[in-house]
N, C-alpha and C. Protein backbone atom coordinates (compact mmCIF):
# COMPACT_ATOMS: atom_id res chain seq x y z
N MET A 1 163.33 -129.95 118.57
CA MET A 1 164.23 -129.98 117.41
C MET A 1 165.24 -131.09 117.59
N LYS A 2 165.47 -131.87 116.57
CA LYS A 2 166.40 -132.99 116.64
C LYS A 2 167.82 -132.49 116.76
N GLN A 3 168.57 -133.02 117.73
CA GLN A 3 169.94 -132.61 117.95
C GLN A 3 170.90 -133.47 117.14
N THR A 4 171.93 -132.82 116.63
CA THR A 4 172.97 -133.58 115.92
C THR A 4 173.85 -134.29 116.92
N PRO A 5 174.09 -135.60 116.79
CA PRO A 5 174.96 -136.31 117.74
C PRO A 5 176.34 -135.70 117.73
N PHE A 6 177.03 -135.85 118.87
CA PHE A 6 178.34 -135.19 118.99
C PHE A 6 179.29 -135.58 117.89
N TRP A 7 179.29 -136.87 117.52
CA TRP A 7 180.25 -137.27 116.49
C TRP A 7 180.00 -136.54 115.19
N GLY A 8 178.73 -136.19 114.93
CA GLY A 8 178.44 -135.42 113.73
C GLY A 8 179.03 -134.03 113.80
N VAL A 9 178.94 -133.43 114.99
CA VAL A 9 179.54 -132.12 115.21
C VAL A 9 181.05 -132.22 115.06
N LEU A 10 181.62 -133.30 115.61
CA LEU A 10 183.06 -133.49 115.53
C LEU A 10 183.51 -133.57 114.07
N LEU A 11 182.80 -134.37 113.28
CA LEU A 11 183.17 -134.49 111.88
C LEU A 11 183.02 -133.17 111.14
N ALA A 12 182.04 -132.39 111.57
CA ALA A 12 181.82 -131.11 110.91
C ALA A 12 182.91 -130.11 111.24
N THR A 13 183.53 -130.26 112.41
CA THR A 13 184.52 -129.29 112.85
C THR A 13 185.94 -129.71 112.62
N LEU A 14 186.21 -131.02 112.52
CA LEU A 14 187.59 -131.47 112.35
C LEU A 14 188.15 -131.06 111.01
N ALA A 15 189.32 -130.46 111.04
CA ALA A 15 189.93 -130.03 109.78
C ALA A 15 190.43 -131.20 108.98
N LEU A 16 190.54 -132.37 109.56
CA LEU A 16 190.96 -133.53 108.77
C LEU A 16 189.86 -133.94 107.81
N GLY A 17 188.67 -133.42 108.03
CA GLY A 17 187.61 -133.67 107.08
C GLY A 17 187.79 -132.71 105.96
N TYR A 18 188.64 -131.82 106.22
CA TYR A 18 189.08 -130.72 105.40
C TYR A 18 189.34 -131.08 104.02
N ALA A 19 188.67 -131.02 103.19
CA ALA A 19 188.89 -131.88 102.09
C ALA A 19 188.89 -131.29 100.76
N GLY A 20 188.48 -131.19 99.64
CA GLY A 20 188.62 -131.08 98.23
C GLY A 20 189.71 -131.94 98.00
N GLN A 21 190.61 -131.94 98.94
CA GLN A 21 191.31 -133.17 98.80
C GLN A 21 191.16 -133.69 100.16
N ALA A 22 206.54 -142.01 115.29
CA ALA A 22 205.38 -142.55 115.26
C ALA A 22 204.64 -143.66 114.68
N LEU A 23 204.51 -144.00 113.05
CA LEU A 23 203.48 -144.56 112.23
C LEU A 23 203.84 -145.98 111.82
N HIS A 24 202.81 -146.71 111.22
CA HIS A 24 203.06 -148.10 110.90
C HIS A 24 202.86 -148.37 109.42
N ALA A 25 203.64 -149.26 108.82
CA ALA A 25 203.48 -149.72 107.47
C ALA A 25 204.49 -150.80 107.18
N SER A 26 204.27 -151.54 106.06
CA SER A 26 205.19 -152.66 105.87
C SER A 26 205.42 -153.10 104.44
N SER A 27 204.87 -152.48 103.43
CA SER A 27 205.13 -152.93 102.08
C SER A 27 206.00 -151.94 101.34
N ALA A 28 206.33 -152.27 100.09
CA ALA A 28 207.21 -151.38 99.31
C ALA A 28 206.59 -150.02 99.13
N SER A 29 205.25 -149.92 99.12
CA SER A 29 204.61 -148.63 98.91
C SER A 29 204.12 -148.01 100.21
N ARG A 30 204.28 -148.73 101.36
CA ARG A 30 203.89 -148.19 102.64
C ARG A 30 205.10 -147.60 103.32
N SER A 31 204.82 -146.68 104.28
CA SER A 31 205.95 -145.99 104.93
C SER A 31 206.14 -146.47 106.33
N ASP A 32 207.40 -146.76 106.71
CA ASP A 32 207.74 -146.96 108.10
C ASP A 32 208.10 -145.59 108.64
N MET A 33 207.16 -144.97 109.37
CA MET A 33 207.33 -143.59 109.78
C MET A 33 208.06 -143.45 111.11
N ARG A 34 208.54 -144.55 111.67
CA ARG A 34 209.27 -144.45 112.93
C ARG A 34 210.55 -143.67 112.72
N PRO A 35 210.83 -142.66 113.58
CA PRO A 35 212.03 -141.86 113.37
C PRO A 35 213.30 -142.69 113.56
N ALA A 36 214.28 -142.49 112.69
CA ALA A 36 215.56 -143.17 112.82
C ALA A 36 216.42 -142.39 113.79
N ALA A 37 217.40 -143.05 114.37
CA ALA A 37 218.28 -142.39 115.32
C ALA A 37 219.03 -141.26 114.61
N ALA A 38 219.10 -140.09 115.28
CA ALA A 38 219.70 -138.92 114.67
C ALA A 38 221.18 -139.14 114.38
N ASP A 39 221.82 -140.00 115.17
CA ASP A 39 223.26 -140.19 114.98
C ASP A 39 223.56 -141.33 114.01
N GLN A 40 222.53 -141.82 113.32
CA GLN A 40 222.76 -142.89 112.36
C GLN A 40 222.09 -142.58 111.02
N PRO A 41 222.39 -141.42 110.42
CA PRO A 41 221.73 -141.07 109.16
C PRO A 41 222.10 -141.99 108.02
N ASN A 42 223.20 -142.72 108.15
CA ASN A 42 223.60 -143.63 107.07
C ASN A 42 223.51 -145.09 107.51
N GLY A 43 222.61 -145.36 108.47
CA GLY A 43 222.46 -146.71 108.96
C GLY A 43 222.05 -147.66 107.85
N LEU A 44 222.35 -148.93 108.03
CA LEU A 44 222.04 -149.91 107.00
C LEU A 44 220.66 -150.50 107.24
N VAL A 45 219.91 -150.67 106.17
CA VAL A 45 218.59 -151.28 106.26
C VAL A 45 218.43 -152.26 105.11
N ASN A 46 217.57 -153.23 105.30
CA ASN A 46 217.19 -154.14 104.23
C ASN A 46 218.37 -154.67 103.43
N ALA A 47 218.91 -155.78 103.88
CA ALA A 47 219.97 -156.48 103.16
C ALA A 47 221.21 -155.63 102.93
N GLY A 48 221.48 -154.72 103.86
CA GLY A 48 222.71 -153.96 103.79
C GLY A 48 222.69 -152.75 102.89
N GLU A 49 221.53 -152.42 102.31
CA GLU A 49 221.50 -151.23 101.47
C GLU A 49 221.36 -149.99 102.34
N PRO A 50 222.11 -148.92 102.06
CA PRO A 50 222.05 -147.73 102.91
C PRO A 50 220.76 -146.95 102.72
N SER A 51 220.31 -146.32 103.81
CA SER A 51 219.17 -145.43 103.72
C SER A 51 219.57 -144.19 102.93
N GLN A 52 218.63 -143.61 102.20
CA GLN A 52 218.88 -142.38 101.50
C GLN A 52 218.03 -141.29 102.14
N TRP A 53 218.60 -140.10 102.28
CA TRP A 53 217.91 -139.02 102.96
C TRP A 53 217.72 -137.85 102.02
N ALA A 54 216.60 -137.19 102.15
CA ALA A 54 216.34 -135.98 101.38
C ALA A 54 215.76 -134.94 102.32
N LYS A 55 216.06 -133.68 102.09
CA LYS A 55 215.55 -132.61 102.94
C LYS A 55 214.38 -131.92 102.24
N PHE A 56 213.34 -131.65 103.02
CA PHE A 56 212.16 -130.96 102.51
C PHE A 56 211.75 -129.88 103.49
N VAL A 57 211.11 -128.85 102.98
CA VAL A 57 210.47 -127.85 103.85
C VAL A 57 209.01 -128.25 103.93
N VAL A 58 208.62 -128.81 105.06
CA VAL A 58 207.23 -129.24 105.24
C VAL A 58 206.64 -128.53 106.45
N CYS A 59 205.43 -128.05 106.31
CA CYS A 59 204.75 -127.34 107.38
C CYS A 59 205.61 -126.20 107.92
N GLY A 60 206.39 -125.60 107.05
CA GLY A 60 207.21 -124.46 107.45
C GLY A 60 208.54 -124.80 108.07
N ASN A 61 208.86 -126.09 108.20
CA ASN A 61 210.11 -126.51 108.82
C ASN A 61 210.92 -127.38 107.86
N THR A 62 212.23 -127.28 107.94
CA THR A 62 213.09 -128.14 107.13
C THR A 62 213.28 -129.46 107.85
N VAL A 63 212.97 -130.55 107.17
CA VAL A 63 213.09 -131.87 107.79
C VAL A 63 213.86 -132.79 106.85
N ALA A 64 214.48 -133.80 107.43
CA ALA A 64 215.14 -134.84 106.64
C ALA A 64 214.25 -136.06 106.63
N ALA A 65 213.83 -136.46 105.45
CA ALA A 65 212.95 -137.62 105.32
C ALA A 65 213.74 -138.80 104.81
N GLU A 66 213.66 -139.91 105.50
CA GLU A 66 214.39 -141.10 105.10
C GLU A 66 213.68 -141.80 103.97
N ASN A 67 214.43 -142.16 102.95
CA ASN A 67 213.89 -142.93 101.84
C ASN A 67 214.44 -144.34 101.95
N ARG A 68 213.75 -145.20 102.65
CA ARG A 68 214.24 -146.56 102.82
C ARG A 68 214.22 -147.29 101.47
N THR A 69 215.25 -148.05 101.24
CA THR A 69 215.30 -148.89 100.05
C THR A 69 214.60 -150.20 100.36
N ASN A 70 213.55 -150.48 99.64
CA ASN A 70 212.78 -151.69 99.87
C ASN A 70 213.36 -152.82 99.02
N VAL A 71 213.55 -153.96 99.62
CA VAL A 71 214.17 -155.08 98.93
C VAL A 71 213.21 -156.26 98.88
N LYS A 72 213.09 -156.83 97.70
CA LYS A 72 212.24 -158.01 97.52
C LYS A 72 213.09 -159.14 96.96
N ASN A 73 213.14 -160.26 97.67
CA ASN A 73 213.90 -161.40 97.17
C ASN A 73 213.20 -162.00 95.96
N SER A 74 213.98 -162.41 94.97
CA SER A 74 213.38 -163.02 93.78
C SER A 74 214.19 -164.24 93.34
N GLY A 75 214.54 -165.09 94.32
CA GLY A 75 215.23 -166.34 94.02
C GLY A 75 216.55 -166.12 93.33
N GLU A 76 216.77 -166.92 92.28
CA GLU A 76 218.05 -166.86 91.58
C GLU A 76 218.21 -165.57 90.78
N GLN A 77 217.13 -164.82 90.65
CA GLN A 77 217.21 -163.57 89.90
C GLN A 77 217.85 -162.46 90.74
N GLY A 78 218.16 -162.75 92.00
CA GLY A 78 218.74 -161.72 92.87
C GLY A 78 217.67 -160.95 93.58
N VAL A 79 217.84 -159.65 93.73
CA VAL A 79 216.87 -158.83 94.43
C VAL A 79 216.38 -157.71 93.53
N VAL A 80 215.17 -157.28 93.79
CA VAL A 80 214.57 -156.17 93.06
C VAL A 80 214.51 -154.99 94.00
N MET A 81 215.09 -153.86 93.61
CA MET A 81 215.14 -152.68 94.45
C MET A 81 214.04 -151.71 94.06
N LYS A 82 213.44 -151.12 95.05
CA LYS A 82 212.40 -150.15 94.77
C LYS A 82 212.49 -149.04 95.82
N THR A 83 212.60 -147.80 95.38
CA THR A 83 212.72 -146.68 96.31
C THR A 83 211.55 -145.72 96.11
N LYS A 84 211.28 -144.93 97.14
CA LYS A 84 210.20 -143.95 97.08
C LYS A 84 210.65 -142.70 96.35
N SER A 85 209.73 -142.10 95.63
CA SER A 85 210.04 -140.86 94.93
C SER A 85 210.10 -139.71 95.93
N SER A 86 210.65 -138.60 95.49
CA SER A 86 210.73 -137.42 96.36
C SER A 86 209.33 -136.93 96.72
N HIS A 87 208.36 -137.08 95.80
CA HIS A 87 206.99 -136.68 96.09
C HIS A 87 206.40 -137.52 97.22
N GLN A 88 206.64 -138.82 97.18
CA GLN A 88 206.14 -139.70 98.24
C GLN A 88 206.77 -139.34 99.57
N GLN A 89 208.07 -139.13 99.58
CA GLN A 89 208.76 -138.78 100.81
C GLN A 89 208.22 -137.49 101.41
N GLU A 90 208.01 -136.49 100.54
CA GLU A 90 207.51 -135.21 101.01
C GLU A 90 206.10 -135.35 101.59
N ALA A 91 205.22 -136.07 100.88
CA ALA A 91 203.84 -136.24 101.34
C ALA A 91 203.80 -136.95 102.69
N GLU A 92 204.63 -137.97 102.86
CA GLU A 92 204.64 -138.70 104.12
C GLU A 92 205.26 -137.89 105.24
N ALA A 93 206.23 -137.03 104.91
CA ALA A 93 206.82 -136.15 105.92
C ALA A 93 205.79 -135.14 106.43
N VAL A 94 204.95 -134.64 105.54
CA VAL A 94 203.89 -133.72 105.96
C VAL A 94 202.90 -134.44 106.87
N LEU A 95 202.54 -135.66 106.49
CA LEU A 95 201.61 -136.44 107.31
C LEU A 95 202.18 -136.66 108.72
N LYS A 96 203.46 -136.98 108.77
CA LYS A 96 204.11 -137.21 110.06
C LYS A 96 204.08 -135.95 110.92
N ALA A 97 204.36 -134.79 110.30
CA ALA A 97 204.34 -133.52 111.04
C ALA A 97 202.94 -133.20 111.52
N LEU A 98 201.94 -133.45 110.69
CA LEU A 98 200.56 -133.19 111.07
C LEU A 98 200.15 -134.08 112.24
N HIS A 99 200.49 -135.36 112.16
CA HIS A 99 200.16 -136.30 113.23
C HIS A 99 200.74 -135.84 114.56
N ALA A 100 202.00 -135.41 114.55
CA ALA A 100 202.65 -134.95 115.78
C ALA A 100 201.96 -133.69 116.32
N ALA A 101 201.59 -132.78 115.43
CA ALA A 101 200.95 -131.54 115.84
C ALA A 101 199.58 -131.80 116.46
N ILE A 102 198.84 -132.74 115.87
CA ILE A 102 197.52 -133.07 116.41
C ILE A 102 197.64 -133.63 117.82
N ASN A 103 198.54 -134.57 118.02
CA ASN A 103 198.66 -135.18 119.34
C ASN A 103 199.32 -134.27 120.36
N SER A 104 199.93 -133.19 119.90
CA SER A 104 200.46 -132.18 120.83
C SER A 104 199.40 -131.11 121.12
N HIS A 105 198.26 -131.20 120.44
CA HIS A 105 197.19 -130.20 120.55
C HIS A 105 197.72 -128.81 120.26
N ASP A 106 198.62 -128.73 119.29
CA ASP A 106 199.25 -127.48 118.89
C ASP A 106 198.54 -126.96 117.64
N VAL A 107 197.57 -126.08 117.87
CA VAL A 107 196.74 -125.60 116.76
C VAL A 107 197.57 -124.91 115.69
N LYS A 108 198.51 -124.08 116.10
CA LYS A 108 199.32 -123.34 115.13
C LYS A 108 200.13 -124.30 114.25
N SER A 109 200.66 -125.35 114.85
CA SER A 109 201.43 -126.32 114.06
C SER A 109 200.53 -127.13 113.14
N VAL A 110 199.31 -127.40 113.57
CA VAL A 110 198.35 -128.08 112.70
C VAL A 110 198.07 -127.20 111.48
N VAL A 111 197.74 -125.94 111.75
CA VAL A 111 197.41 -125.01 110.67
C VAL A 111 198.57 -124.85 109.70
N ALA A 112 199.80 -124.87 110.22
CA ALA A 112 200.99 -124.68 109.39
C ALA A 112 201.17 -125.77 108.36
N CYS A 113 200.48 -126.89 108.51
CA CYS A 113 200.60 -128.00 107.56
C CYS A 113 199.69 -127.84 106.34
N PHE A 114 198.86 -126.78 106.35
CA PHE A 114 197.90 -126.58 105.27
C PHE A 114 198.20 -125.34 104.45
N ALA A 115 197.88 -125.40 103.19
CA ALA A 115 198.02 -124.24 102.31
C ALA A 115 196.99 -123.19 102.69
N GLN A 116 197.26 -121.94 102.33
CA GLN A 116 196.34 -120.85 102.67
C GLN A 116 194.94 -121.11 102.12
N ASP A 117 194.87 -121.67 100.92
CA ASP A 117 193.57 -121.90 100.28
C ASP A 117 193.23 -123.39 100.22
N VAL A 118 193.62 -124.13 101.25
CA VAL A 118 193.34 -125.56 101.29
C VAL A 118 191.86 -125.82 101.06
N ARG A 119 191.57 -126.86 100.30
CA ARG A 119 190.19 -127.25 100.02
C ARG A 119 189.87 -128.52 100.80
N SER A 120 188.78 -128.48 101.54
CA SER A 120 188.41 -129.62 102.38
C SER A 120 187.00 -130.09 102.06
N GLU A 121 186.84 -131.42 102.01
CA GLU A 121 185.50 -131.94 101.77
C GLU A 121 185.29 -133.27 102.45
N GLN A 122 184.04 -133.56 102.73
CA GLN A 122 183.61 -134.87 103.22
C GLN A 122 182.53 -135.33 102.25
N PRO A 123 182.86 -136.27 101.36
CA PRO A 123 181.90 -136.67 100.33
C PRO A 123 180.52 -137.08 100.86
N ARG A 124 180.49 -137.68 102.05
CA ARG A 124 179.20 -138.07 102.62
C ARG A 124 178.45 -136.90 103.23
N HIS A 125 179.17 -135.79 103.45
CA HIS A 125 178.56 -134.61 104.06
C HIS A 125 179.05 -133.36 103.32
N PRO A 126 178.60 -133.18 102.09
CA PRO A 126 179.10 -132.07 101.26
C PRO A 126 178.91 -130.70 101.88
N GLU A 127 177.92 -130.56 102.76
CA GLU A 127 177.68 -129.26 103.39
C GLU A 127 178.81 -128.86 104.34
N ARG A 128 179.68 -129.80 104.67
CA ARG A 128 180.79 -129.51 105.58
C ARG A 128 182.06 -129.09 104.87
N SER A 129 182.01 -128.96 103.57
CA SER A 129 183.18 -128.54 102.81
C SER A 129 183.54 -127.10 103.15
N PHE A 130 184.82 -126.78 103.01
CA PHE A 130 185.25 -125.40 103.22
C PHE A 130 186.57 -125.16 102.49
N ILE A 131 186.95 -123.91 102.43
CA ILE A 131 188.21 -123.51 101.82
C ILE A 131 188.92 -122.55 102.76
N GLY A 132 190.21 -122.78 102.99
CA GLY A 132 191.01 -121.81 103.72
C GLY A 132 191.51 -122.23 105.08
N ARG A 133 192.68 -121.71 105.43
CA ARG A 133 193.32 -121.99 106.71
C ARG A 133 192.51 -121.51 107.91
N ALA A 134 191.76 -120.42 107.74
CA ALA A 134 191.01 -119.87 108.87
C ALA A 134 190.05 -120.91 109.43
N SER A 135 189.43 -121.68 108.54
CA SER A 135 188.50 -122.72 108.99
C SER A 135 189.25 -123.87 109.66
N VAL A 136 190.43 -124.19 109.16
CA VAL A 136 191.24 -125.23 109.79
C VAL A 136 191.53 -124.85 111.24
N GLU A 137 191.96 -123.60 111.44
CA GLU A 137 192.29 -123.14 112.80
C GLU A 137 191.06 -123.15 113.71
N LYS A 138 189.95 -122.64 113.23
CA LYS A 138 188.73 -122.59 114.02
C LYS A 138 188.27 -123.99 114.41
N ASN A 139 188.29 -124.90 113.44
CA ASN A 139 187.80 -126.26 113.67
C ASN A 139 188.65 -127.03 114.66
N TRP A 140 189.97 -126.96 114.50
CA TRP A 140 190.83 -127.71 115.40
C TRP A 140 190.86 -127.13 116.81
N ALA A 141 190.76 -125.81 116.93
CA ALA A 141 190.69 -125.20 118.26
C ALA A 141 189.44 -125.68 118.99
N ALA A 142 188.33 -125.75 118.26
CA ALA A 142 187.08 -126.22 118.85
C ALA A 142 187.18 -127.69 119.22
N ASN A 143 187.81 -128.47 118.36
CA ASN A 143 187.95 -129.89 118.62
C ASN A 143 188.75 -130.16 119.89
N PHE A 144 189.89 -129.49 120.05
CA PHE A 144 190.72 -129.71 121.23
C PHE A 144 190.02 -129.21 122.50
N ALA A 145 189.20 -128.18 122.36
CA ALA A 145 188.46 -127.67 123.52
C ALA A 145 187.38 -128.66 123.95
N GLN A 146 186.72 -129.28 122.99
CA GLN A 146 185.65 -130.22 123.29
C GLN A 146 186.16 -131.58 123.74
N LEU A 147 187.34 -131.96 123.26
CA LEU A 147 187.94 -133.24 123.61
C LEU A 147 189.37 -133.00 124.12
N PRO A 148 189.53 -132.63 125.38
CA PRO A 148 190.86 -132.29 125.91
C PRO A 148 191.87 -133.42 125.80
N ASP A 149 191.39 -134.66 125.74
CA ASP A 149 192.32 -135.80 125.64
C ASP A 149 192.31 -136.40 124.24
N PHE A 150 191.93 -135.60 123.25
CA PHE A 150 191.86 -136.11 121.87
C PHE A 150 193.19 -136.73 121.47
N HIS A 151 193.10 -137.92 120.86
CA HIS A 151 194.31 -138.62 120.42
C HIS A 151 194.07 -139.20 119.03
N ALA A 152 195.06 -139.02 118.16
CA ALA A 152 194.98 -139.56 116.80
C ALA A 152 196.00 -140.67 116.65
N GLU A 153 195.54 -141.82 116.25
CA GLU A 153 196.43 -142.96 116.01
C GLU A 153 196.46 -143.26 114.51
N VAL A 154 197.65 -143.35 113.96
CA VAL A 154 197.80 -143.70 112.55
C VAL A 154 197.96 -145.22 112.47
N ILE A 155 197.05 -145.86 111.78
CA ILE A 155 197.08 -147.32 111.63
C ILE A 155 197.97 -147.71 110.46
N ARG A 156 197.84 -147.00 109.36
CA ARG A 156 198.59 -147.36 108.16
C ARG A 156 198.69 -146.15 107.23
N VAL A 157 199.78 -146.09 106.50
CA VAL A 157 200.02 -144.99 105.55
C VAL A 157 200.47 -145.57 104.22
N ILE A 158 199.95 -145.02 103.13
CA ILE A 158 200.43 -145.40 101.81
C ILE A 158 200.40 -144.15 100.94
N SER A 159 201.42 -143.99 100.11
CA SER A 159 201.50 -142.79 99.29
C SER A 159 201.59 -143.15 97.81
N ASP A 160 201.01 -142.28 97.00
CA ASP A 160 201.06 -142.42 95.55
C ASP A 160 201.47 -141.06 95.00
N GLU A 161 202.77 -140.91 94.78
CA GLU A 161 203.35 -139.62 94.40
C GLU A 161 202.97 -138.57 95.45
N ASN A 162 202.26 -137.51 95.08
CA ASN A 162 202.02 -136.45 96.07
C ASN A 162 200.69 -136.59 96.81
N VAL A 163 200.11 -137.77 96.78
CA VAL A 163 198.88 -138.04 97.54
C VAL A 163 199.19 -139.09 98.60
N VAL A 164 198.83 -138.80 99.85
CA VAL A 164 199.07 -139.75 100.94
C VAL A 164 197.72 -140.18 101.52
N TRP A 165 197.54 -141.51 101.60
CA TRP A 165 196.33 -142.11 102.16
C TRP A 165 196.67 -142.57 103.58
N THR A 166 195.79 -142.27 104.52
CA THR A 166 196.06 -142.60 105.92
C THR A 166 194.84 -143.21 106.58
N GLU A 167 195.04 -144.34 107.24
CA GLU A 167 193.99 -144.95 108.05
C GLU A 167 194.18 -144.47 109.48
N TRP A 168 193.11 -143.90 110.06
CA TRP A 168 193.20 -143.29 111.39
C TRP A 168 192.25 -143.93 112.39
N ARG A 169 192.58 -143.70 113.66
CA ARG A 169 191.62 -143.86 114.74
C ARG A 169 191.71 -142.60 115.59
N TRP A 170 190.59 -141.90 115.75
CA TRP A 170 190.53 -140.69 116.56
C TRP A 170 189.68 -141.00 117.79
N SER A 171 190.17 -140.64 118.97
CA SER A 171 189.41 -140.92 120.18
C SER A 171 189.58 -139.79 121.18
N GLY A 172 188.63 -139.70 122.08
CA GLY A 172 188.68 -138.67 123.11
C GLY A 172 187.47 -138.78 124.02
N THR A 173 187.43 -137.91 125.02
CA THR A 173 186.35 -137.93 126.00
C THR A 173 185.78 -136.54 126.19
N GLN A 174 184.46 -136.43 126.12
CA GLN A 174 183.80 -135.15 126.34
C GLN A 174 183.75 -134.84 127.84
N ALA A 175 183.41 -133.60 128.15
CA ALA A 175 183.32 -133.16 129.54
C ALA A 175 182.29 -133.98 130.32
N ASN A 176 181.26 -134.45 129.63
CA ASN A 176 180.22 -135.24 130.30
C ASN A 176 180.61 -136.71 130.47
N GLY A 177 181.83 -137.05 130.07
CA GLY A 177 182.31 -138.42 130.23
C GLY A 177 182.03 -139.32 129.04
N HIS A 178 181.35 -138.80 128.02
CA HIS A 178 181.03 -139.63 126.85
C HIS A 178 182.27 -139.83 126.00
N SER A 179 182.55 -141.08 125.64
CA SER A 179 183.72 -141.39 124.81
C SER A 179 183.37 -141.26 123.33
N VAL A 180 184.32 -140.72 122.59
CA VAL A 180 184.16 -140.57 121.14
C VAL A 180 185.22 -141.43 120.46
N ASP A 181 184.80 -142.22 119.49
CA ASP A 181 185.73 -143.12 118.79
C ASP A 181 185.36 -143.13 117.31
N LEU A 182 186.23 -142.59 116.47
CA LEU A 182 186.00 -142.55 115.04
C LEU A 182 187.15 -143.24 114.32
N ARG A 183 186.82 -143.92 113.22
CA ARG A 183 187.84 -144.59 112.44
C ARG A 183 187.54 -144.41 110.96
N GLY A 184 188.59 -144.39 110.17
CA GLY A 184 188.39 -144.23 108.74
C GLY A 184 189.66 -143.81 108.03
N VAL A 185 189.49 -143.20 106.87
CA VAL A 185 190.62 -142.89 105.99
C VAL A 185 190.55 -141.43 105.53
N THR A 186 191.73 -140.82 105.40
CA THR A 186 191.81 -139.49 104.81
C THR A 186 192.78 -139.53 103.63
N LEU A 187 192.57 -138.65 102.67
CA LEU A 187 193.48 -138.46 101.55
C LEU A 187 193.95 -137.01 101.58
N PHE A 188 195.26 -136.83 101.44
CA PHE A 188 195.82 -135.48 101.40
C PHE A 188 196.61 -135.31 100.11
N GLY A 189 196.37 -134.20 99.43
CA GLY A 189 197.17 -133.83 98.27
C GLY A 189 198.23 -132.84 98.72
N VAL A 190 199.50 -133.18 98.54
CA VAL A 190 200.59 -132.36 99.06
C VAL A 190 201.42 -131.76 97.93
N GLU A 191 201.67 -130.47 98.04
CA GLU A 191 202.56 -129.78 97.12
C GLU A 191 203.32 -128.72 97.90
N GLU A 192 204.61 -128.58 97.60
CA GLU A 192 205.46 -127.58 98.24
C GLU A 192 205.40 -127.68 99.76
N GLY A 193 205.33 -128.91 100.26
CA GLY A 193 205.39 -129.14 101.69
C GLY A 193 204.14 -128.79 102.46
N LEU A 194 203.01 -128.61 101.77
CA LEU A 194 201.75 -128.25 102.43
C LEU A 194 200.60 -129.07 101.87
N ILE A 195 199.58 -129.29 102.68
CA ILE A 195 198.38 -129.99 102.23
C ILE A 195 197.53 -129.00 101.44
N GLN A 196 197.36 -129.29 100.16
CA GLN A 196 196.60 -128.41 99.27
C GLN A 196 195.11 -128.77 99.27
N TRP A 197 194.82 -130.04 99.41
CA TRP A 197 193.43 -130.49 99.49
C TRP A 197 193.36 -131.72 100.38
N ALA A 198 192.19 -131.95 100.94
CA ALA A 198 192.00 -133.10 101.82
C ALA A 198 190.59 -133.65 101.63
N ARG A 199 190.48 -134.97 101.77
CA ARG A 199 189.19 -135.63 101.64
C ARG A 199 189.06 -136.62 102.80
N LEU A 200 187.94 -136.58 103.48
CA LEU A 200 187.75 -137.33 104.71
C LEU A 200 186.65 -138.37 104.61
N TYR A 201 186.97 -139.59 105.06
CA TYR A 201 185.99 -140.67 105.20
C TYR A 201 186.14 -141.23 106.61
N MET A 202 185.48 -140.63 107.56
CA MET A 202 185.58 -141.04 108.96
C MET A 202 184.18 -141.27 109.52
N ASP A 203 184.05 -142.33 110.35
CA ASP A 203 182.74 -142.64 110.94
C ASP A 203 182.92 -143.10 112.38
N PRO A 204 181.91 -142.87 113.22
CA PRO A 204 181.96 -143.35 114.60
C PRO A 204 181.81 -144.86 114.64
N VAL A 205 182.41 -145.49 115.63
CA VAL A 205 182.27 -146.93 115.82
C VAL A 205 181.74 -147.19 117.23
N GLY A 206 181.18 -148.37 117.42
CA GLY A 206 180.68 -148.74 118.73
C GLY A 206 179.32 -148.15 119.01
């Protein structure tokens, strides 16, 4: 009987494939997810404009999300200001919490980022779709057990209201010494501080 390669099993079990629906970025619509110093909540950024902060309950915790004011020079016309909406801030705050939970291998904190009836899908593998937190917990517990050194790297983040797009690199080592390296993109739909749906496009490389 033909065996499914490990990466296929990994994709089938990872809750990030979870679908129906730290960090780096640099444009007006991308997020600089690096935490700001706690003692400088009103620090100045971008041409002297103050950061704006909003509090959200994400993944069951109250967090302060920085809304950086993005500035674009426009010659003699002065500057054009553009700020992120509260939906964008909330979606990116959830992504940040999820990323931290994954790299801490904290299954309960990972699960806390998802709605009870979260819908998960992988368009290339529709048979791997599921609904519910129970599957998220089962899948991530299995993933951390199979890859004790599993690490998730966020390459880039961009948000469009309550949807956050993330480019990832997932890597780890199996007990037999085989290295696993997957890269791709996930989409998360966020409402009320939780991931309501997720869609996964991840593939092995190398």
